[in-house]
Amino acid sequence: MNHRYQPEVRIFCSLFVVLVALRILYAILFPFDLSGDEAYYWDWGRSLSWGYFSKPPFIAWLMALAGWMGHNSDTGLRITAAMLGSGSVLMMYLLALRLFGSRAALWTVLLTIASPANVALNLILTIDAPLMFFWPLALLTFHLQIHDRDHRTIWGLLTMTALGLGLLTKQIMIAFHIMMLLYLVITPSRRALLRAWDIWVVWIGSLSFLIPTILWNANNGWITVTHTQHHFEGKPITLLGILSRAGEFVGSQIGLLSPVTAVLVIILMVCCLRKWKTLDDKIRYLLSFSVPGLVIVLLMLFRQKINANWPAVFYPGMIMLLGAALAHADSIPKELASRFSKWKTPALITGLVFMLIASLMPFALLFSGQTGGRFDPMVRLQGWSELANHVQRFREFHRSALDQPFVLVSGHRYNTSLLAFYLPDQPTVYRWPNESGKIESQYEIWGHPDSLEGRNAIIVVPEEDKRRSSAWKQSFDQISEGTAIEVPAGQLKTRQYTLYTAKGYRLVPVTPSHPLQ
């Protein structure tokens, strides 16, 4: 079907242009600093490798590119996130258009835009931004691979690339490989594709993207594997604890998707599963890449806490399916479409309200003088550039006496990475290692180079980490009395730090143990 001249397509094209422009404008006007993870991954991007402490390497490569293109500015990183988020919307639109037509595709876009999660996804450049681009891209190209016989090779290559780069972004992308085989197994009309050579070339070829990262891990004590295992360690818990954990998780998903959309997704999923045998292959396709993952995440609640973003990749398929139901698409069973289509307006209005609240909250808090308050969800994005200003003034005051000192920071890795980003010259900032020798971050893997031996330093100590200061006396010939500073983290909160000057660094080797032991 030629969709080019349908009114919904013209509406989408106009909406998409406006959406991209607004997201870029929002990235420019956003009043707060980077998140700790953004600065941490940006620091990775200054030392490119095939692997890192906690994640595969693609986020570091992306940060290096975004930093180069955006002159290592926070606005440049945010615009990159906005571009990836917009690309994700476009991939979902194109697949929904192919499966269900222009009205369903437009409703897919409206539901996606009208969610608080989409606001964060288009603003914060962490691993979820590229992951949520590669997943719907793979959904689109894999569907084209198994349906477009004339261009099957090119779609297969694109699927392999999307899956491979997704694997290099976040480990959960492996779920796509499992679900693509599951779809072929449980769909009789597609089962013969299990014997098609190109399917297995895509499957194995995309996994081969991990070979350099696996070799890197093998040479570094399987550190990423060990760290990842920590996320899946269950602890004994009571029934009340499980119910509390489940309630917290469900609440987080309702908040991320918006209440009406979240409830409709759950109801639609249950209704479709009850009618599985009579469903169109298009619906089965989307369910196969959504339901198994969501069910596994729910089962995991019985043994551990689930981060709110873990099931994110399993929602695009359900959002496209919900868009088709709201648009009364032909492939949707009539009774389901009739039941859901009347919820179009409530779903859209509720989603837009929640999206606007999430978008405008930073500015509302700022103009009302409530930033950094007890109920400010963005307090962790505030105060870092101001801390860098304090440290820079301290550096300049002592620069001549200390002869180009390096910067050493204790405490959480975010203190190190955010200072590295916001200091004017963006120097290499070193983290003081944990005295136990545990590897807690990428900074312990990098360590302190021999070139620091004998040099002088500026030491930055957060108030909560002052206990470590005694260890520095063993590592420097001379260390000054501390200078206490108070840094505003918003209008209602401050953070306390102590700054030291130190001379004659004696490199103290720390023998690292495996992380989290």
Protein backbone atom coordinates (compact mmCIF):
# COMPACT_ATOMS: atom_id res chain seq x y z
CA MET A 1 0.00 0.00 0.00
CA ASN A 2 1.24 3.48 -0.86
CA HIS A 3 1.10 5.49 2.37
CA ARG A 4 2.76 8.61 0.99
CA TYR A 5 -0.35 10.74 0.51
CA GLN A 6 -2.38 9.56 3.49
CA PRO A 7 -3.16 12.40 5.93
CA GLU A 8 -1.74 10.52 8.91
CA VAL A 9 1.63 10.29 7.14
CA ARG A 10 1.68 14.03 6.51
CA ILE A 11 0.73 14.62 10.14
CA PHE A 12 3.58 12.38 11.28
CA CYS A 13 6.14 14.12 9.07
CA SER A 14 5.17 17.52 10.46
CA LEU A 15 5.02 16.19 14.01
CA PHE A 16 8.43 14.54 13.72
CA VAL A 17 10.13 17.71 12.49
CA VAL A 18 8.58 19.71 15.35
CA LEU A 19 9.48 16.96 17.83
CA VAL A 20 13.16 16.93 16.84
CA ALA A 21 13.34 20.73 16.97
CA LEU A 22 11.73 20.85 20.42
CA ARG A 23 14.03 18.15 21.75
CA ILE A 24 17.11 20.02 20.56
CA LEU A 25 15.76 23.24 22.09
CA TYR A 26 15.03 21.44 25.36
CA ALA A 27 18.57 20.03 25.42
CA ILE A 28 19.96 23.54 24.99
CA LEU A 29 17.73 25.12 27.65
CA PHE A 30 17.91 22.34 30.27
CA PRO A 31 19.12 24.11 33.43
CA PHE A 32 20.99 21.35 35.28
CA ASP A 33 24.28 19.46 35.01
CA LEU A 34 25.03 16.02 33.60
CA SER A 35 24.18 12.90 35.56
CA GLY A 36 27.01 10.99 37.18
CA ASP A 37 26.71 8.10 34.73
CA GLU A 38 26.91 10.45 31.74
CA ALA A 39 30.15 11.99 32.97
CA TYR A 40 31.49 8.53 33.90
CA TYR A 41 30.85 7.13 30.42
CA TRP A 42 32.21 10.33 28.87
CA ASP A 43 35.45 9.72 30.79
CA TRP A 44 35.51 6.20 29.34
CA GLY A 45 35.28 7.79 25.91
CA ARG A 46 38.65 9.48 26.48
CA SER A 47 40.34 6.07 26.79
CA LEU A 48 38.82 3.90 24.07
CA SER A 49 38.97 0.17 24.58
CA TRP A 50 37.13 -3.07 23.77
CA GLY A 51 35.79 -3.37 27.30
CA TYR A 52 35.16 -1.58 30.56
CA PHE A 53 34.43 -2.39 34.19
CA SER A 54 30.64 -2.65 34.08
CA LYS A 55 29.47 -2.35 30.47
CA PRO A 56 30.40 -3.27 26.90
CA PRO A 57 32.29 -0.58 25.00
CA PHE A 58 29.75 1.05 22.66
CA ILE A 59 28.70 3.76 25.12
CA ALA A 60 32.34 4.86 25.39
CA TRP A 61 32.68 4.97 21.61
CA LEU A 62 29.45 6.94 21.37
CA MET A 63 30.61 9.37 24.05
CA ALA A 64 33.88 9.91 22.19
CA LEU A 65 31.94 10.74 19.02
CA ALA A 66 29.39 12.92 20.82
CA GLY A 67 32.16 14.70 22.70
CA TRP A 68 34.07 15.38 19.49
CA MET A 69 31.00 16.63 17.65
CA GLY A 70 29.71 18.69 20.58
CA HIS A 71 33.10 20.05 21.77
CA ASN A 72 32.79 18.04 25.01
CA SER A 73 29.84 20.10 26.21
CA ASP A 74 26.85 18.89 28.18
CA THR A 75 24.56 20.34 25.50
CA GLY A 76 26.34 18.27 22.85
CA LEU A 77 25.77 15.07 24.82
CA ARG A 78 22.10 15.91 25.37
CA ILE A 79 21.52 16.63 21.69
CA THR A 80 23.03 13.22 20.89
CA ALA A 81 20.52 11.62 23.27
CA ALA A 82 17.72 13.56 21.58
CA MET A 83 18.81 12.33 18.15
CA LEU A 84 18.90 8.70 19.30
CA GLY A 85 15.50 9.05 20.95
CA SER A 86 14.03 10.58 17.82
CA GLY A 87 15.58 7.78 15.78
CA SER A 88 13.91 5.24 18.06
CA VAL A 89 10.53 6.89 17.47
CA LEU A 90 11.15 6.80 13.72
CA MET A 91 12.00 3.07 13.76
CA MET A 92 8.83 2.28 15.71
CA TYR A 93 6.78 4.38 13.32
CA LEU A 94 8.18 2.64 10.24
CA LEU A 95 7.52 -0.83 11.66
CA ALA A 96 4.01 0.05 12.84
CA LEU A 97 3.33 1.61 9.42
CA ARG A 98 4.42 -1.60 7.72
CA LEU A 99 2.43 -3.85 10.05
CA PHE A 100 -0.79 -1.95 10.69
CA GLY A 101 -1.00 1.15 8.50
CA SER A 102 -0.62 4.89 8.91
CA ARG A 103 -3.23 5.48 11.64
CA ALA A 104 -1.76 2.81 13.91
CA ALA A 105 1.74 4.12 13.23
CA LEU A 106 0.70 7.65 14.19
CA TRP A 107 -0.88 6.39 17.41
CA THR A 108 2.30 4.46 18.17
CA VAL A 109 4.26 7.69 17.93
CA LEU A 110 1.76 9.62 20.04
CA LEU A 111 1.83 6.98 22.80
CA THR A 112 5.63 6.90 22.73
CA ILE A 113 6.00 10.65 22.92
CA ALA A 114 3.36 10.95 25.64
CA SER A 115 5.33 9.15 28.36
CA PRO A 116 7.66 10.44 31.09
CA ALA A 117 10.23 7.77 30.22
CA ASN A 118 10.62 9.24 26.75
CA VAL A 119 11.53 12.61 28.26
CA ALA A 120 14.47 11.11 30.16
CA LEU A 121 15.49 8.91 27.23
CA ASN A 122 15.84 11.95 24.98
CA LEU A 123 17.79 13.98 27.52
CA ILE A 124 20.23 11.70 29.32
CA LEU A 125 22.95 9.98 27.29
CA THR A 126 23.48 6.70 29.09
CA ILE A 127 23.39 3.16 27.69
CA ASP A 128 19.59 3.18 27.45
CA ALA A 129 19.61 5.84 24.70
CA PRO A 130 21.49 3.75 22.09
CA LEU A 131 19.92 0.50 23.35
CA MET A 132 16.41 1.85 22.77
CA PHE A 133 17.46 2.81 19.25
CA PHE A 134 19.03 -0.52 18.30
CA TRP A 135 16.14 -2.65 19.64
CA PRO A 136 13.35 -1.18 17.45
CA LEU A 137 15.81 -0.94 14.56
CA ALA A 138 16.43 -4.69 14.86
CA LEU A 139 12.67 -5.29 15.15
CA LEU A 140 12.16 -3.44 11.87
CA THR A 141 15.03 -4.94 9.90
CA PHE A 142 14.41 -8.52 11.09
CA HIS A 143 10.76 -8.27 10.03
CA LEU A 144 11.88 -6.99 6.63
CA GLN A 145 14.47 -9.76 6.38
CA ILE A 146 11.89 -12.52 6.76
CA HIS A 147 9.26 -10.87 4.52
CA ASP A 148 11.10 -8.95 1.77
CA ARG A 149 12.60 -11.70 -0.38
CA ASP A 150 14.02 -9.31 -2.96
CA HIS A 151 16.23 -7.50 -0.45
CA ARG A 152 16.71 -10.21 2.14
CA THR A 153 20.50 -10.00 2.19
CA ILE A 154 20.67 -6.28 2.86
CA TRP A 155 18.03 -6.49 5.60
CA GLY A 156 19.92 -9.41 7.12
CA LEU A 157 23.14 -7.39 7.20
CA LEU A 158 21.32 -4.47 8.83
CA THR A 159 19.76 -6.80 11.39
CA MET A 160 23.15 -8.30 12.20
CA THR A 161 24.64 -4.83 12.62
CA ALA A 162 21.79 -3.60 14.84
CA LEU A 163 22.01 -6.70 17.03
CA GLY A 164 25.80 -6.61 17.19
CA LEU A 165 25.97 -2.96 18.18
CA GLY A 166 23.12 -3.54 20.63
CA LEU A 167 25.15 -6.31 22.27
CA LEU A 168 28.08 -3.91 22.53
CA THR A 169 25.75 -1.44 24.24
CA LYS A 170 24.07 -3.52 26.94
CA GLN A 171 24.06 -7.20 27.80
CA ILE A 172 20.24 -7.45 27.74
CA MET A 173 20.30 -7.28 23.93
CA ILE A 174 20.99 -11.02 24.01
CA ALA A 175 17.28 -11.39 24.79
CA PHE A 176 16.52 -10.40 21.19
CA HIS A 177 18.49 -13.40 19.92
CA ILE A 178 16.48 -15.74 22.11
CA MET A 179 13.16 -14.16 21.16
CA MET A 180 13.83 -14.21 17.42
CA LEU A 181 14.31 -17.97 17.59
CA LEU A 182 11.28 -18.30 19.86
CA TYR A 183 9.14 -16.42 17.34
CA LEU A 184 10.23 -18.72 14.53
CA VAL A 185 9.56 -21.82 16.64
CA ILE A 186 6.07 -20.85 17.84
CA THR A 187 4.87 -19.40 14.52
CA PRO A 188 4.04 -22.28 12.14
CA SER A 189 4.14 -20.12 9.01
CA ARG A 190 7.71 -19.02 9.84
CA ARG A 191 9.11 -22.26 11.26
CA ALA A 192 10.78 -23.21 7.98
CA LEU A 193 13.07 -20.18 8.38
CA LEU A 194 14.91 -22.07 11.11
CA ARG A 195 16.56 -23.95 8.25
CA ALA A 196 17.44 -20.76 6.34
CA TRP A 197 21.17 -20.07 6.26
CA ASP A 198 20.82 -16.29 6.43
CA ILE A 199 18.95 -16.44 9.74
CA TRP A 200 21.86 -18.27 11.33
CA VAL A 201 24.42 -15.97 9.70
CA VAL A 202 22.64 -13.04 11.35
CA TRP A 203 22.36 -14.87 14.67
CA ILE A 204 25.97 -16.04 14.86
CA GLY A 205 27.41 -13.02 13.06
CA SER A 206 25.88 -10.57 15.51
CA LEU A 207 27.17 -12.58 18.46
CA SER A 208 30.65 -12.42 16.92
CA PHE A 209 30.66 -8.67 17.59
CA LEU A 210 31.35 -9.65 21.21
CA ILE A 211 34.57 -11.55 20.48
CA PRO A 212 36.96 -8.60 21.11
CA THR A 213 35.07 -7.70 24.28
CA ILE A 214 35.19 -11.30 25.50
CA LEU A 215 38.95 -11.38 24.88
CA TRP A 216 39.32 -8.09 26.77
CA ASN A 217 37.41 -9.57 29.70
CA ALA A 218 39.51 -12.72 29.63
CA ASN A 219 42.62 -10.55 29.93
CA ASN A 220 41.09 -8.54 32.78
CA GLY A 221 39.89 -11.28 35.10
CA TRP A 222 36.36 -11.45 33.61
CA ILE A 223 35.62 -8.26 35.47
CA THR A 224 32.50 -7.23 33.52
CA VAL A 225 31.06 -10.72 33.91
CA THR A 226 31.69 -10.66 37.65
CA HIS A 227 30.12 -7.23 37.98
CA THR A 228 27.07 -8.27 35.94
CA GLN A 229 26.56 -11.38 38.09
CA HIS A 230 26.27 -9.10 41.10
CA HIS A 231 23.08 -7.60 39.64
CA PHE A 232 21.40 -11.00 39.71
CA GLU A 233 22.26 -12.04 43.24
CA GLY A 234 19.09 -12.82 45.14
CA LYS A 235 18.66 -12.38 48.87
CA PRO A 236 16.25 -14.09 51.27
CA ILE A 237 13.02 -12.12 51.48
CA THR A 238 9.60 -12.47 53.10
CA LEU A 239 6.26 -12.53 51.31
CA LEU A 240 5.63 -9.00 52.53
CA GLY A 241 8.97 -7.96 51.09
CA ILE A 242 8.10 -9.50 47.72
CA LEU A 243 4.76 -7.67 47.68
CA SER A 244 6.47 -4.42 48.60
CA ARG A 245 9.08 -4.92 45.89
CA ALA A 246 6.40 -5.79 43.33
CA GLY A 247 4.37 -2.72 44.27
CA GLU A 248 7.42 -0.49 43.92
CA PHE A 249 8.23 -1.98 40.52
CA VAL A 250 4.69 -1.72 39.15
CA GLY A 251 4.48 1.85 40.41
CA SER A 252 7.71 2.73 38.63
CA GLN A 253 6.42 1.28 35.36
CA ILE A 254 3.13 3.16 35.65
CA GLY A 255 5.09 6.35 36.27
CA LEU A 256 7.37 5.75 33.29
CA LEU A 257 4.68 4.80 30.77
CA SER A 258 1.84 6.93 32.24
CA PRO A 259 -1.04 5.28 34.14
CA VAL A 260 -3.60 4.69 31.38
CA THR A 261 -1.03 3.45 28.87
CA ALA A 262 0.53 1.07 31.41
CA VAL A 263 -2.84 -0.44 32.36
CA LEU A 264 -3.89 -0.78 28.72
CA VAL A 265 -0.60 -2.52 27.87
CA ILE A 266 -1.16 -5.09 30.62
CA ILE A 267 -4.78 -5.73 29.64
CA LEU A 268 -3.91 -5.97 25.94
CA MET A 269 -1.10 -8.42 26.66
CA VAL A 270 -3.42 -10.69 28.64
CA CYS A 271 -6.19 -10.48 26.02
CA CYS A 272 -3.81 -11.32 23.19
CA LEU A 273 -2.34 -14.30 25.00
CA ARG A 274 -5.84 -15.69 25.55
CA LYS A 275 -6.48 -15.45 21.79
CA TRP A 276 -3.01 -16.60 20.73
CA LYS A 277 -4.14 -19.37 18.36
CA THR A 278 -6.29 -17.02 16.30
CA LEU A 279 -3.89 -14.07 16.18
CA ASP A 280 -2.39 -12.67 13.00
CA ASP A 281 1.36 -13.28 12.51
CA LYS A 282 1.96 -9.52 12.80
CA ILE A 283 0.58 -9.52 16.33
CA ARG A 284 2.49 -12.67 17.23
CA TYR A 285 5.68 -11.01 16.03
CA LEU A 286 5.35 -8.09 18.43
CA LEU A 287 4.18 -10.26 21.31
CA SER A 288 7.16 -12.60 20.85
CA PHE A 289 9.57 -9.72 21.42
CA SER A 290 7.68 -8.36 24.44
CA VAL A 291 5.82 -10.91 26.55
CA PRO A 292 8.65 -13.39 27.34
CA GLY A 293 10.91 -10.61 28.57
CA LEU A 294 8.22 -8.95 30.67
CA VAL A 295 7.24 -12.29 32.23
CA ILE A 296 10.86 -13.09 33.13
CA VAL A 297 11.29 -9.65 34.70
CA LEU A 298 8.16 -10.18 36.80
CA LEU A 299 9.40 -13.61 37.93
CA MET A 300 12.73 -12.08 38.94
CA LEU A 301 10.86 -9.97 41.50
CA PHE A 302 10.61 -13.09 43.65
CA ARG A 303 14.38 -13.16 44.15
CA GLN A 304 15.70 -9.62 43.70
CA LYS A 305 14.96 -5.95 43.22
CA ILE A 306 14.43 -4.90 39.60
CA ASN A 307 15.67 -1.57 38.30
CA ALA A 308 12.91 0.46 36.68
CA ASN A 309 14.69 0.58 33.30
CA TRP A 310 15.38 -3.15 32.94
CA PRO A 311 12.18 -4.04 31.04
CA ALA A 312 12.37 -0.97 28.78
CA VAL A 313 13.32 -2.87 25.61
CA PHE A 314 10.27 -5.11 25.93
CA TYR A 315 7.79 -2.23 25.66
CA PRO A 316 8.20 -1.03 22.02
CA GLY A 317 6.39 -4.09 20.68
CA MET A 318 3.49 -3.64 23.10
CA ILE A 319 3.27 0.10 22.40
CA MET A 320 3.01 -0.61 18.66
CA LEU A 321 0.35 -3.22 19.36
CA LEU A 322 -1.57 -0.81 21.58
CA GLY A 323 -1.34 1.86 18.89
CA ALA A 324 -2.87 -0.61 16.43
CA ALA A 325 -5.68 -1.47 18.85
CA LEU A 326 -6.49 2.19 19.52
CA ALA A 327 -6.49 2.88 15.77
CA HIS A 328 -8.83 -0.07 15.11
CA ALA A 329 -6.30 -1.66 12.73
CA ASP A 330 -7.58 -4.50 10.53
CA SER A 331 -5.19 -7.10 11.98
CA ILE A 332 -6.54 -6.56 15.51
CA PRO A 333 -9.53 -8.76 16.44
CA LYS A 334 -12.66 -6.61 16.18
CA GLU A 335 -13.80 -7.18 19.75
CA LEU A 336 -10.39 -6.12 21.05
CA ALA A 337 -10.25 -3.07 18.81
CA SER A 338 -13.75 -2.01 19.88
CA ARG A 339 -12.84 -2.40 23.53
CA PHE A 340 -9.59 -0.43 23.30
CA SER A 341 -10.36 2.25 20.73
CA LYS A 342 -12.59 4.15 23.17
CA TRP A 343 -9.54 4.67 25.40
CA LYS A 344 -7.67 6.71 22.80
CA THR A 345 -8.40 10.10 24.29
CA PRO A 346 -7.84 9.17 27.97
CA ALA A 347 -4.55 7.45 27.11
CA LEU A 348 -3.27 10.37 25.07
CA ILE A 349 -4.37 13.12 27.45
CA THR A 350 -3.04 11.33 30.55
CA GLY A 351 0.25 10.59 28.82
CA LEU A 352 0.66 14.16 27.64
CA VAL A 353 -0.05 15.50 31.13
CA PHE A 354 2.57 13.21 32.68
CA MET A 355 5.03 14.03 29.89
CA LEU A 356 4.54 17.77 30.36
CA ILE A 357 4.95 17.45 34.12
CA ALA A 358 8.23 15.57 33.63
CA SER A 359 9.42 18.09 31.03
CA LEU A 360 8.49 21.26 32.90
CA MET A 361 9.37 20.12 36.43
CA PRO A 362 13.05 21.24 36.25
CA PHE A 363 12.03 24.74 35.24
CA ALA A 364 9.15 24.88 37.74
CA LEU A 365 11.48 23.88 40.58
CA LEU A 366 14.06 26.42 39.46
CA PHE A 367 11.67 29.36 39.19
CA SER A 368 9.90 28.48 42.45
CA GLY A 369 13.17 28.30 44.39
CA GLN A 370 12.70 24.63 45.27
CA THR A 371 15.67 23.00 43.52
CA GLY A 372 17.63 20.69 45.77
CA GLY A 373 14.67 20.25 48.07
CA ARG A 374 13.44 17.05 49.60
CA PHE A 375 11.11 16.30 46.70
CA ASP A 376 13.42 17.38 43.88
CA PRO A 377 14.05 14.25 41.75
CA MET A 378 16.88 16.01 39.92
CA VAL A 379 19.00 16.91 42.91
CA ARG A 380 21.72 14.55 41.64
CA LEU A 381 22.08 16.72 38.53
CA GLN A 382 22.92 19.85 40.48
CA GLY A 383 26.01 21.38 42.03
CA TRP A 384 28.72 19.72 39.96
CA SER A 385 29.68 22.65 37.76
CA GLU A 386 29.71 24.82 40.88
CA LEU A 387 32.01 22.32 42.62
CA ALA A 388 34.31 22.50 39.60
CA ASN A 389 34.35 26.30 39.90
CA HIS A 390 35.46 26.05 43.55
CA VAL A 391 38.14 23.48 42.76
CA GLN A 392 39.38 25.53 39.79
CA ARG A 393 39.80 28.65 41.95
CA PHE A 394 41.71 26.53 44.48
CA ARG A 395 43.91 25.13 41.68
CA GLU A 396 44.68 28.57 40.32
CA PHE A 397 45.54 29.92 43.78
CA HIS A 398 48.05 27.10 44.39
CA ARG A 399 49.20 26.53 40.80
CA SER A 400 52.57 28.25 41.06
CA ALA A 401 53.43 26.73 44.44
CA LEU A 402 52.49 23.21 43.38
CA ASP A 403 53.81 23.30 39.79
CA GLN A 404 50.85 21.99 37.75
CA PRO A 405 49.28 19.65 40.33
CA PHE A 406 47.09 16.74 39.33
CA VAL A 407 43.61 16.33 40.82
CA LEU A 408 42.85 13.41 43.14
CA VAL A 409 39.31 12.73 44.37
CA SER A 410 37.93 10.33 46.94
CA GLY A 411 34.47 8.91 47.39
CA HIS A 412 31.98 7.85 44.75
CA ARG A 413 33.13 7.60 41.14
CA TYR A 414 30.69 10.38 40.21
CA ASN A 415 32.81 12.88 42.14
CA THR A 416 35.73 11.98 39.91
CA SER A 417 33.95 11.89 36.57
CA LEU A 418 31.88 15.05 37.06
CA LEU A 419 34.92 17.05 38.16
CA ALA A 420 36.81 15.78 35.11
CA PHE A 421 33.99 16.99 32.88
CA TYR A 422 33.30 20.37 34.46
CA LEU A 423 36.82 21.60 35.22
CA PRO A 424 37.64 24.12 32.46
CA ASP A 425 40.56 22.17 30.99
CA GLN A 426 38.83 18.78 31.49
CA PRO A 427 41.99 17.18 32.93
CA THR A 428 42.50 13.56 33.81
CA VAL A 429 41.13 13.29 37.34
CA TYR A 430 42.21 10.35 39.49
CA ARG A 431 40.14 8.50 42.06
CA TRP A 432 41.63 7.44 45.37
CA PRO A 433 41.36 3.63 45.46
CA ASN A 434 39.47 1.71 48.06
CA GLU A 435 41.88 0.61 50.78
CA SER A 436 40.47 -2.92 50.63
CA GLY A 437 41.70 -3.30 47.07
CA LYS A 438 38.23 -3.95 45.66
CA ILE A 439 37.68 -2.79 42.11
CA GLU A 440 34.63 -0.55 42.37
CA SER A 441 34.85 1.31 39.07
CA GLN A 442 36.81 1.79 35.87
CA TYR A 443 39.12 4.14 37.73
CA GLU A 444 40.63 1.25 39.70
CA ILE A 445 41.31 -0.61 36.46
CA TRP A 446 43.14 2.38 35.03
CA GLY A 447 44.98 2.97 38.31
CA HIS A 448 47.56 5.70 38.86
CA PRO A 449 50.32 5.86 36.23
CA ASP A 450 54.00 5.90 37.18
CA SER A 451 54.24 9.43 35.78
CA LEU A 452 52.47 10.72 38.91
CA GLU A 453 55.40 9.66 41.10
CA GLY A 454 56.83 12.68 42.92
CA ARG A 455 54.20 15.11 41.64
CA ASN A 456 52.04 17.44 43.71
CA ALA A 457 48.27 17.24 43.93
CA ILE A 458 45.01 18.94 44.75
CA ILE A 459 42.89 16.52 46.76
CA VAL A 460 39.08 16.78 46.87
CA VAL A 461 37.30 14.98 49.70
CA PRO A 462 33.50 14.83 50.09
CA GLU A 463 32.31 15.26 53.67
CA GLU A 464 31.04 11.69 53.81
CA ASP A 465 34.47 10.37 52.84
CA LYS A 466 36.78 12.30 55.17
CA ARG A 467 37.66 9.06 56.93
CA ARG A 468 39.96 8.19 54.03
CA SER A 469 42.16 11.24 54.44
CA SER A 470 44.48 9.47 56.86
CA ALA A 471 45.65 7.12 54.11
CA TRP A 472 46.96 10.01 52.01
CA LYS A 473 49.55 10.89 54.65
CA GLN A 474 51.29 7.67 53.73
CA SER A 475 51.29 8.58 50.04
CA PHE A 476 52.60 12.17 50.11
CA ASP A 477 55.68 13.79 51.58
CA GLN A 478 53.59 16.70 52.80
CA ILE A 479 49.87 17.40 53.04
CA SER A 480 48.23 20.68 54.08
CA GLU A 481 45.47 21.43 56.50
CA GLY A 482 42.15 21.11 54.74
CA THR A 483 40.10 24.00 53.39
CA ALA A 484 36.39 23.38 53.88
CA ILE A 485 34.00 24.50 51.18
CA GLU A 486 30.23 24.39 50.88
CA VAL A 487 28.78 23.95 47.41
CA PRO A 488 25.12 24.63 46.60
CA ALA A 489 23.37 21.68 44.98
CA GLY A 490 20.25 23.59 44.05
CA GLN A 491 18.59 26.34 46.05
CA LEU A 492 17.81 24.30 49.18
CA LYS A 493 20.72 21.86 49.48
CA THR A 494 24.46 22.08 49.94
CA ARG A 495 27.29 19.57 49.78
CA GLN A 496 30.42 19.86 51.91
CA TYR A 497 33.93 19.13 50.70
CA THR A 498 37.45 19.58 52.01
CA LEU A 499 40.28 20.61 49.67
CA TYR A 500 43.93 19.79 50.37
CA THR A 501 47.25 20.54 48.77
CA ALA A 502 49.79 17.73 48.80
CA LYS A 503 53.42 17.46 47.71
CA GLY A 504 55.60 14.55 46.66
CA TYR A 505 53.22 11.75 45.70
CA ARG A 506 54.62 8.32 46.45
CA LEU A 507 52.91 5.81 44.23
CA VAL A 508 51.47 3.17 46.53
CA PRO A 509 50.63 0.02 44.60
CA VAL A 510 47.20 -1.42 45.34
CA THR A 511 46.70 -5.05 44.46
CA PRO A 512 43.12 -5.17 43.21
CA SER A 513 40.85 -8.03 44.05
CA HIS A 514 37.81 -9.01 42.04
CA PRO A 515 34.99 -6.46 42.22
CA LEU A 516 32.38 -6.65 44.94
CA GLN A 517 34.05 -9.46 46.84
